[in-house]
Amino acid sequence: MLQPGGELAGGRVPRHFRQLPCAVIPGPWPGRHLAGLPLTVLSRRCLEEEPFVEIVPYPHPALRWKAKPVSQIDAALRSTVREMFDLMYEARGIGLAATQVALPIRLFVVNPTADPDETEEEFVFINPEIVRRNGSSEGEEGCLSLPGLYGPVRRAEVIVVEAFDLKGRPFEMELTDLPGRVVQHENDHLDGILFIDRMAEADRREVNDHVLAFETEFRQAQAEGRWLPDPELERALQELEPG
């Protein structure tokens, strides 16, 4: 059973980020060179001006990171979940995993309607585990970390998933159709698996140029200082892992 934590005193900055320098916060910070300055000093200046969670693009190392289980649910985590929903809606998505915002924890959010007004369709899956899969069906998928790229992926037709909600309560859901596909897709993210890895070889070849274009763009951004080098991004992910 997960243990709910206390309230976050004094603001919205997630506990994961409070002691890190701004420069290791996931996401580009154009024009900022803030490495080595404590986040407690810079939080108002750099976090109120720009979101403190950002959907990371391929091939950011977080997208290949195997996430660690969440050990505590507190106000910081709940705030992060709300930010993830907001980012997902802004990007017109229906699911978003924590690793897609460079948080190495086993959590994802889903709303199959993509409608922020349909709050009853919002689901948070903490430490999810797919315990049963039946059947097989193929459908088109995309990814907010690979915007504009789509391809056919074969998934289980029916799944049973177990997880915890934001109050630390365990639950179980049997899912099919789009909700089942979304949960399988997001659960893969927590193990560093992307939908392009699930595509048939011939289909994967058809999108290979598009994938390479994402990689070229990201490496260029790193060369220009808009993203940190991979070793620094990986070090930041290690710092953010639950203890």
C-alpha atoms as a PDB file:
ATOM      1  CA  MET A   1       0.000   0.000   0.000  1.00  0.00           C
ATOM      2  CA  LEU A   2       1.342   3.408  -0.920  1.00  0.00           C
ATOM      3  CA  GLN A   3       1.632   5.926   1.856  1.00  0.00           C
ATOM      4  CA  PRO A   4       0.095   9.367   1.255  1.00  0.00           C
ATOM      5  CA  GLY A   5       2.425  12.163   2.313  1.00  0.00           C
ATOM      6  CA  GLY A   6       1.911  15.598   3.815  1.00  0.00           C
ATOM      7  CA  GLU A   7       1.164  18.870   2.092  1.00  0.00           C
ATOM      8  CA  LEU A   8       3.829  20.713   0.175  1.00  0.00           C
ATOM      9  CA  ALA A   9       4.741  23.831   2.124  1.00  0.00           C
ATOM     10  CA  GLY A  10       5.172  27.119   0.394  1.00  0.00           C
ATOM     11  CA  GLY A  11       4.478  26.465  -3.277  1.00  0.00           C
ATOM     12  CA  ARG A  12       4.001  24.283  -6.336  1.00  0.00           C
ATOM     13  CA  VAL A  13       7.569  23.187  -7.001  1.00  0.00           C
ATOM     14  CA  PRO A  14       7.701  19.353  -6.998  1.00  0.00           C
ATOM     15  CA  ARG A  15       9.888  17.798  -4.339  1.00  0.00           C
ATOM     16  CA  HIS A  16      11.831  16.069  -7.120  1.00  0.00           C
ATOM     17  CA  PHE A  17      13.027  19.446  -8.420  1.00  0.00           C
ATOM     18  CA  ARG A  18      13.504  21.515  -5.276  1.00  0.00           C
ATOM     19  CA  GLN A  19      17.226  20.932  -4.764  1.00  0.00           C
ATOM     20  CA  LEU A  20      18.257  20.680  -8.417  1.00  0.00           C
ATOM     21  CA  PRO A  21      19.784  23.450 -10.508  1.00  0.00           C
ATOM     22  CA  CYS A  22      17.454  24.894 -13.129  1.00  0.00           C
ATOM     23  CA  ALA A  23      19.686  23.655 -15.923  1.00  0.00           C
ATOM     24  CA  VAL A  24      18.910  20.026 -15.129  1.00  0.00           C
ATOM     25  CA  ILE A  25      15.160  20.509 -15.075  1.00  0.00           C
ATOM     26  CA  PRO A  26      13.730  18.590 -18.056  1.00  0.00           C
ATOM     27  CA  GLY A  27      13.010  20.852 -20.961  1.00  0.00           C
ATOM     28  CA  PRO A  28      14.762  23.521 -22.970  1.00  0.00           C
ATOM     29  CA  TRP A  29      15.454  26.814 -21.236  1.00  0.00           C
ATOM     30  CA  PRO A  30      16.295  29.178 -24.137  1.00  0.00           C
ATOM     31  CA  GLY A  31      18.740  31.891 -23.205  1.00  0.00           C
ATOM     32  CA  ARG A  32      19.288  30.586 -19.680  1.00  0.00           C
ATOM     33  CA  HIS A  33      22.579  29.309 -18.302  1.00  0.00           C
ATOM     34  CA  LEU A  34      21.713  28.539 -14.712  1.00  0.00           C
ATOM     35  CA  ALA A  35      23.772  25.470 -13.880  1.00  0.00           C
ATOM     36  CA  GLY A  36      24.950  25.366 -10.310  1.00  0.00           C
ATOM     37  CA  LEU A  37      22.444  27.841  -8.900  1.00  0.00           C
ATOM     38  CA  PRO A  38      20.012  26.357  -6.366  1.00  0.00           C
ATOM     39  CA  LEU A  39      16.436  25.917  -7.470  1.00  0.00           C
ATOM     40  CA  THR A  40      15.216  27.319  -4.168  1.00  0.00           C
ATOM     41  CA  VAL A  41      16.665  30.676  -5.240  1.00  0.00           C
ATOM     42  CA  LEU A  42      15.666  30.501  -8.896  1.00  0.00           C
ATOM     43  CA  SER A  43      12.261  28.829  -8.651  1.00  0.00           C
ATOM     44  CA  ARG A  44      10.267  32.044  -8.963  1.00  0.00           C
ATOM     45  CA  ARG A  45      12.403  33.384 -11.779  1.00  0.00           C
ATOM     46  CA  CYS A  46      12.599  30.256 -13.936  1.00  0.00           C
ATOM     47  CA  LEU A  47       9.583  28.168 -12.959  1.00  0.00           C
ATOM     48  CA  GLU A  48       6.862  30.787 -12.906  1.00  0.00           C
ATOM     49  CA  GLU A  49       7.928  32.041 -16.329  1.00  0.00           C
ATOM     50  CA  GLU A  50       7.920  28.592 -17.967  1.00  0.00           C
ATOM     51  CA  PRO A  51       6.376  25.198 -17.130  1.00  0.00           C
ATOM     52  CA  PHE A  52       8.455  23.041 -14.840  1.00  0.00           C
ATOM     53  CA  VAL A  53       7.425  19.895 -16.662  1.00  0.00           C
ATOM     54  CA  GLU A  54       7.813  19.606 -20.408  1.00  0.00           C
ATOM     55  CA  ILE A  55       7.077  16.844 -22.884  1.00  0.00           C
ATOM     56  CA  VAL A  56      10.498  15.701 -24.008  1.00  0.00           C
ATOM     57  CA  PRO A  57      11.149  14.839 -27.664  1.00  0.00           C
ATOM     58  CA  TYR A  58      12.781  11.745 -29.086  1.00  0.00           C
ATOM     59  CA  PRO A  59      15.577  10.732 -28.513  1.00  0.00           C
ATOM     60  CA  HIS A  60      15.751  12.288 -25.016  1.00  0.00           C
ATOM     61  CA  PRO A  61      17.313   9.666 -22.671  1.00  0.00           C
ATOM     62  CA  ALA A  62      14.194   9.683 -20.464  1.00  0.00           C
ATOM     63  CA  LEU A  63      12.293   7.932 -23.237  1.00  0.00           C
ATOM     64  CA  ARG A  64      14.581   4.895 -22.880  1.00  0.00           C
ATOM     65  CA  TRP A  65      14.672   4.976 -19.069  1.00  0.00           C
ATOM     66  CA  LYS A  66      13.193   2.158 -16.991  1.00  0.00           C
ATOM     67  CA  ALA A  67      11.117   3.994 -14.397  1.00  0.00           C
ATOM     68  CA  LYS A  68      11.197   3.187 -10.683  1.00  0.00           C
ATOM     69  CA  PRO A  69       8.069   2.575  -8.565  1.00  0.00           C
ATOM     70  CA  VAL A  70       6.455   5.486  -6.774  1.00  0.00           C
ATOM     71  CA  SER A  71       6.923   5.065  -3.026  1.00  0.00           C
ATOM     72  CA  GLN A  72       4.935   8.028  -1.711  1.00  0.00           C
ATOM     73  CA  ILE A  73       1.955  10.082  -2.829  1.00  0.00           C
ATOM     74  CA  ASP A  74       2.038  13.672  -1.633  1.00  0.00           C
ATOM     75  CA  ALA A  75       0.991  17.159  -2.697  1.00  0.00           C
ATOM     76  CA  ALA A  76       4.042  17.490  -4.936  1.00  0.00           C
ATOM     77  CA  LEU A  77       3.087  14.368  -6.868  1.00  0.00           C
ATOM     78  CA  ARG A  78      -0.541  15.459  -7.170  1.00  0.00           C
ATOM     79  CA  SER A  79       0.600  18.835  -8.517  1.00  0.00           C
ATOM     80  CA  THR A  80       2.830  17.104 -11.058  1.00  0.00           C
ATOM     81  CA  VAL A  81      -0.067  14.899 -12.175  1.00  0.00           C
ATOM     82  CA  ARG A  82      -2.214  17.987 -12.755  1.00  0.00           C
ATOM     83  CA  GLU A  83       0.565  19.540 -14.825  1.00  0.00           C
ATOM     84  CA  MET A  84       0.808  16.336 -16.844  1.00  0.00           C
ATOM     85  CA  PHE A  85      -2.902  16.429 -17.637  1.00  0.00           C
ATOM     86  CA  ASP A  86      -2.595  20.075 -18.666  1.00  0.00           C
ATOM     87  CA  LEU A  87       0.345  19.316 -20.957  1.00  0.00           C
ATOM     88  CA  MET A  88      -1.476  16.338 -22.436  1.00  0.00           C
ATOM     89  CA  TYR A  89      -4.554  18.433 -23.264  1.00  0.00           C
ATOM     90  CA  GLU A  90      -2.430  21.236 -24.694  1.00  0.00           C
ATOM     91  CA  ALA A  91      -0.798  18.715 -27.037  1.00  0.00           C
ATOM     92  CA  ARG A  92      -4.193  17.153 -27.886  1.00  0.00           C
ATOM     93  CA  GLY A  93      -3.113  13.826 -26.459  1.00  0.00           C
ATOM     94  CA  ILE A  94      -5.031  11.068 -24.701  1.00  0.00           C
ATOM     95  CA  GLY A  95      -2.229   9.668 -22.545  1.00  0.00           C
ATOM     96  CA  LEU A  96       1.069  10.827 -21.062  1.00  0.00           C
ATOM     97  CA  ALA A  97       3.679   8.895 -19.100  1.00  0.00           C
ATOM     98  CA  ALA A  98       5.935  10.380 -16.418  1.00  0.00           C
ATOM     99  CA  THR A  99       9.021   9.440 -18.416  1.00  0.00           C
ATOM    100  CA  GLN A 100       7.735  11.684 -21.219  1.00  0.00           C
ATOM    101  CA  VAL A 101       8.215  14.644 -18.892  1.00  0.00           C
ATOM    102  CA  ALA A 102      11.591  13.262 -17.763  1.00  0.00           C
ATOM    103  CA  LEU A 103      10.340  11.947 -14.432  1.00  0.00           C
ATOM    104  CA  PRO A 104      11.672   8.404 -13.898  1.00  0.00           C
ATOM    105  CA  ILE A 105       8.664   7.139 -11.943  1.00  0.00           C
ATOM    106  CA  ARG A 106       6.026   4.534 -12.760  1.00  0.00           C
ATOM    107  CA  LEU A 107       3.019   6.737 -13.381  1.00  0.00           C
ATOM    108  CA  PHE A 108       0.903   7.795 -16.324  1.00  0.00           C
ATOM    109  CA  VAL A 109      -2.290   9.730 -16.947  1.00  0.00           C
ATOM    110  CA  VAL A 110      -5.063   8.940 -19.424  1.00  0.00           C
ATOM    111  CA  ASN A 111      -8.200  10.561 -20.777  1.00  0.00           C
ATOM    112  CA  PRO A 112      -9.380   8.723 -23.915  1.00  0.00           C
ATOM    113  CA  THR A 113     -11.674  11.635 -24.834  1.00  0.00           C
ATOM    114  CA  ALA A 114      -8.826  14.206 -24.909  1.00  0.00           C
ATOM    115  CA  ASP A 115     -11.405  16.635 -23.508  1.00  0.00           C
ATOM    116  CA  PRO A 116     -10.393  18.508 -20.332  1.00  0.00           C
ATOM    117  CA  ASP A 117     -14.075  19.061 -19.524  1.00  0.00           C
ATOM    118  CA  GLU A 118     -14.610  15.283 -19.333  1.00  0.00           C
ATOM    119  CA  THR A 119     -12.974  14.999 -15.919  1.00  0.00           C
ATOM    120  CA  GLU A 120     -14.783  11.754 -15.131  1.00  0.00           C
ATOM    121  CA  GLU A 121     -12.683  10.193 -17.920  1.00  0.00           C
ATOM    122  CA  GLU A 122      -9.382  11.224 -16.287  1.00  0.00           C
ATOM    123  CA  PHE A 123      -7.469   8.300 -14.834  1.00  0.00           C
ATOM    124  CA  VAL A 124      -4.148   8.202 -13.013  1.00  0.00           C
ATOM    125  CA  PHE A 125      -2.224   4.926 -12.949  1.00  0.00           C
ATOM    126  CA  ILE A 126       0.492   4.701 -10.281  1.00  0.00           C
ATOM    127  CA  ASN A 127       2.791   1.654 -10.287  1.00  0.00           C
ATOM    128  CA  PRO A 128       0.640  -0.034 -12.946  1.00  0.00           C
ATOM    129  CA  GLU A 129       0.947  -3.689 -13.849  1.00  0.00           C
ATOM    130  CA  ILE A 130      -0.834  -5.402 -16.713  1.00  0.00           C
ATOM    131  CA  VAL A 131      -1.721  -8.774 -15.230  1.00  0.00           C
ATOM    132  CA  ARG A 132      -3.680 -10.301 -18.101  1.00  0.00           C
ATOM    133  CA  ARG A 133      -3.747  -9.940 -21.880  1.00  0.00           C
ATOM    134  CA  ASN A 134      -6.124 -11.644 -24.299  1.00  0.00           C
ATOM    135  CA  GLY A 135      -6.584 -11.544 -28.046  1.00  0.00           C
ATOM    136  CA  SER A 136      -4.817  -9.351 -30.564  1.00  0.00           C
ATOM    137  CA  SER A 137      -5.725  -6.377 -32.710  1.00  0.00           C
ATOM    138  CA  GLU A 138      -3.910  -3.804 -34.821  1.00  0.00           C
ATOM    139  CA  GLY A 139      -4.451  -0.067 -34.647  1.00  0.00           C
ATOM    140  CA  GLU A 140      -2.733   3.194 -35.508  1.00  0.00           C
ATOM    141  CA  GLU A 141      -0.735   4.886 -32.769  1.00  0.00           C
ATOM    142  CA  GLY A 142       1.220   8.084 -32.310  1.00  0.00           C
ATOM    143  CA  CYS A 143       3.237   9.641 -29.508  1.00  0.00           C
ATOM    144  CA  LEU A 144       3.486  13.139 -28.053  1.00  0.00           C
ATOM    145  CA  SER A 145       7.259  12.720 -27.965  1.00  0.00           C
ATOM    146  CA  LEU A 146       7.246  11.948 -31.695  1.00  0.00           C
ATOM    147  CA  PRO A 147       4.634  14.455 -32.901  1.00  0.00           C
ATOM    148  CA  GLY A 148       3.210  13.874 -36.341  1.00  0.00           C
ATOM    149  CA  LEU A 149       4.503  10.316 -36.635  1.00  0.00           C
ATOM    150  CA  TYR A 150       1.948   7.492 -36.760  1.00  0.00           C
ATOM    151  CA  GLY A 151       2.059   3.797 -37.477  1.00  0.00           C
ATOM    152  CA  PRO A 152       0.234   0.496 -37.010  1.00  0.00           C
ATOM    153  CA  VAL A 153       0.887  -1.439 -33.806  1.00  0.00           C
ATOM    154  CA  ARG A 154      -0.470  -4.815 -32.754  1.00  0.00           C
ATOM    155  CA  ARG A 155      -1.602  -4.986 -29.115  1.00  0.00           C
ATOM    156  CA  ALA A 156      -3.612  -7.255 -26.862  1.00  0.00           C
ATOM    157  CA  GLU A 157      -7.327  -6.804 -27.506  1.00  0.00           C
ATOM    158  CA  VAL A 158      -8.332  -7.083 -23.841  1.00  0.00           C
ATOM    159  CA  ILE A 159      -6.181  -6.344 -20.800  1.00  0.00           C
ATOM    160  CA  VAL A 160      -6.540  -6.301 -17.033  1.00  0.00           C
ATOM    161  CA  VAL A 161      -4.434  -3.658 -15.306  1.00  0.00           C
ATOM    162  CA  GLU A 162      -3.781  -3.181 -11.603  1.00  0.00           C
ATOM    163  CA  ALA A 163      -2.541   0.138 -10.204  1.00  0.00           C
ATOM    164  CA  PHE A 164      -2.921   2.693  -7.416  1.00  0.00           C
ATOM    165  CA  ASP A 165      -4.855   5.951  -7.607  1.00  0.00           C
ATOM    166  CA  LEU A 166      -3.819   9.361  -6.250  1.00  0.00           C
ATOM    167  CA  LYS A 167      -5.170   8.452  -2.816  1.00  0.00           C
ATOM    168  CA  GLY A 168      -2.980   5.363  -2.660  1.00  0.00           C
ATOM    169  CA  ARG A 169      -5.914   2.989  -3.150  1.00  0.00           C
ATOM    170  CA  PRO A 170      -5.379  -0.104  -5.305  1.00  0.00           C
ATOM    171  CA  PHE A 171      -7.746  -0.693  -8.206  1.00  0.00           C
ATOM    172  CA  GLU A 172      -8.197  -3.060 -11.120  1.00  0.00           C
ATOM    173  CA  MET A 173      -9.646  -2.348 -14.563  1.00  0.00           C
ATOM    174  CA  GLU A 174     -10.504  -4.546 -17.527  1.00  0.00           C
ATOM    175  CA  LEU A 175     -10.006  -2.536 -20.698  1.00  0.00           C
ATOM    176  CA  THR A 176     -10.509  -3.008 -24.407  1.00  0.00           C
ATOM    177  CA  ASP A 177     -10.623  -0.894 -27.568  1.00  0.00           C
ATOM    178  CA  LEU A 178      -8.991   2.551 -27.325  1.00  0.00           C
ATOM    179  CA  PRO A 179      -8.610   2.697 -23.505  1.00  0.00           C
ATOM    180  CA  GLY A 180      -6.871  -0.667 -23.518  1.00  0.00           C
ATOM    181  CA  ARG A 181      -4.530   0.403 -26.296  1.00  0.00           C
ATOM    182  CA  VAL A 182      -3.674   3.678 -24.559  1.00  0.00           C
ATOM    183  CA  VAL A 183      -2.842   1.936 -21.280  1.00  0.00           C
ATOM    184  CA  GLN A 184      -0.594  -0.563 -23.056  1.00  0.00           C
ATOM    185  CA  HIS A 185       1.141   2.253 -24.935  1.00  0.00           C
ATOM    186  CA  GLU A 186       1.740   4.330 -21.782  1.00  0.00           C
ATOM    187  CA  ASN A 187       2.796   1.318 -19.732  1.00  0.00           C
ATOM    188  CA  ASP A 188       5.452   0.583 -22.367  1.00  0.00           C
ATOM    189  CA  HIS A 189       6.833   4.082 -21.849  1.00  0.00           C
ATOM    190  CA  LEU A 190       7.615   3.231 -18.226  1.00  0.00           C
ATOM    191  CA  ASP A 191       9.925   0.480 -19.465  1.00  0.00           C
ATOM    192  CA  GLY A 192      11.609   2.651 -22.087  1.00  0.00           C
ATOM    193  CA  ILE A 193       9.669   1.097 -24.957  1.00  0.00           C
ATOM    194  CA  LEU A 194       8.208   3.281 -27.729  1.00  0.00           C
ATOM    195  CA  PHE A 195       5.413   2.422 -30.122  1.00  0.00           C
ATOM    196  CA  ILE A 196       7.895   2.441 -33.005  1.00  0.00           C
ATOM    197  CA  ASP A 197       9.603  -0.519 -31.304  1.00  0.00           C
ATOM    198  CA  ARG A 198       6.336  -2.465 -31.586  1.00  0.00           C
ATOM    199  CA  MET A 199       5.806  -1.802 -35.284  1.00  0.00           C
ATOM    200  CA  ALA A 200       6.347  -4.547 -37.824  1.00  0.00           C
ATOM    201  CA  GLU A 201       9.710  -4.338 -39.550  1.00  0.00           C
ATOM    202  CA  ALA A 202       8.289  -3.219 -42.894  1.00  0.00           C
ATOM    203  CA  ASP A 203       6.166  -0.504 -41.258  1.00  0.00           C
ATOM    204  CA  ARG A 204       9.126   0.660 -39.186  1.00  0.00           C
ATOM    205  CA  ARG A 205      11.224   1.112 -42.316  1.00  0.00           C
ATOM    206  CA  GLU A 206       8.553   3.399 -43.769  1.00  0.00           C
ATOM    207  CA  VAL A 207       8.869   5.867 -40.871  1.00  0.00           C
ATOM    208  CA  ASN A 208      12.615   5.555 -40.394  1.00  0.00           C
ATOM    209  CA  ASP A 209      13.432   8.838 -42.148  1.00  0.00           C
ATOM    210  CA  HIS A 210      10.947  10.640 -39.915  1.00  0.00           C
ATOM    211  CA  VAL A 211      12.518   9.095 -36.797  1.00  0.00           C
ATOM    212  CA  LEU A 212      15.996  10.089 -37.959  1.00  0.00           C
ATOM    213  CA  ALA A 213      14.766  13.652 -38.482  1.00  0.00           C
ATOM    214  CA  PHE A 214      13.698  13.809 -34.827  1.00  0.00           C
ATOM    215  CA  GLU A 215      17.130  12.606 -33.774  1.00  0.00           C
ATOM    216  CA  THR A 216      18.912  15.132 -35.985  1.00  0.00           C
ATOM    217  CA  GLU A 217      16.793  17.966 -34.601  1.00  0.00           C
ATOM    218  CA  PHE A 218      17.439  16.950 -30.990  1.00  0.00           C
ATOM    219  CA  ARG A 219      21.209  16.616 -31.493  1.00  0.00           C
ATOM    220  CA  GLN A 220      21.270  20.026 -33.157  1.00  0.00           C
ATOM    221  CA  ALA A 221      19.402  21.496 -30.191  1.00  0.00           C
ATOM    222  CA  GLN A 222      21.997  19.969 -27.874  1.00  0.00           C
ATOM    223  CA  ALA A 223      24.820  21.427 -29.967  1.00  0.00           C
ATOM    224  CA  GLU A 224      23.200  24.853 -29.670  1.00  0.00           C
ATOM    225  CA  GLY A 225      22.801  24.518 -25.903  1.00  0.00           C
ATOM    226  CA  ARG A 226      19.004  24.299 -25.959  1.00  0.00           C
ATOM    227  CA  TRP A 227      19.206  20.817 -24.432  1.00  0.00           C
ATOM    228  CA  LEU A 228      21.866  19.490 -22.090  1.00  0.00           C
ATOM    229  CA  PRO A 229      24.185  16.689 -23.285  1.00  0.00           C
ATOM    230  CA  ASP A 230      22.942  13.140 -22.730  1.00  0.00           C
ATOM    231  CA  PRO A 231      25.266  12.421 -19.749  1.00  0.00           C
ATOM    232  CA  GLU A 232      23.890  15.440 -17.876  1.00  0.00           C
ATOM    233  CA  LEU A 233      20.299  14.517 -18.720  1.00  0.00           C
ATOM    234  CA  GLU A 234      20.957  10.975 -17.499  1.00  0.00           C
ATOM    235  CA  ARG A 235      22.521  12.301 -14.299  1.00  0.00           C
ATOM    236  CA  ALA A 236      19.427  14.427 -13.714  1.00  0.00           C
ATOM    237  CA  LEU A 237      17.194  11.374 -14.178  1.00  0.00           C
ATOM    238  CA  GLN A 238      19.248   9.455 -11.631  1.00  0.00           C
ATOM    239  CA  GLU A 239      18.854  12.334  -9.164  1.00  0.00           C
ATOM    240  CA  LEU A 240      15.093  12.262  -9.647  1.00  0.00           C
ATOM    241  CA  GLU A 241      14.675   8.544  -9.046  1.00  0.00           C
ATOM    242  CA  PRO A 242      12.751   7.672  -5.868  1.00  0.00           C
ATOM    243  CA  GLY A 243      15.046   6.748  -2.999  1.00  0.00           C
END
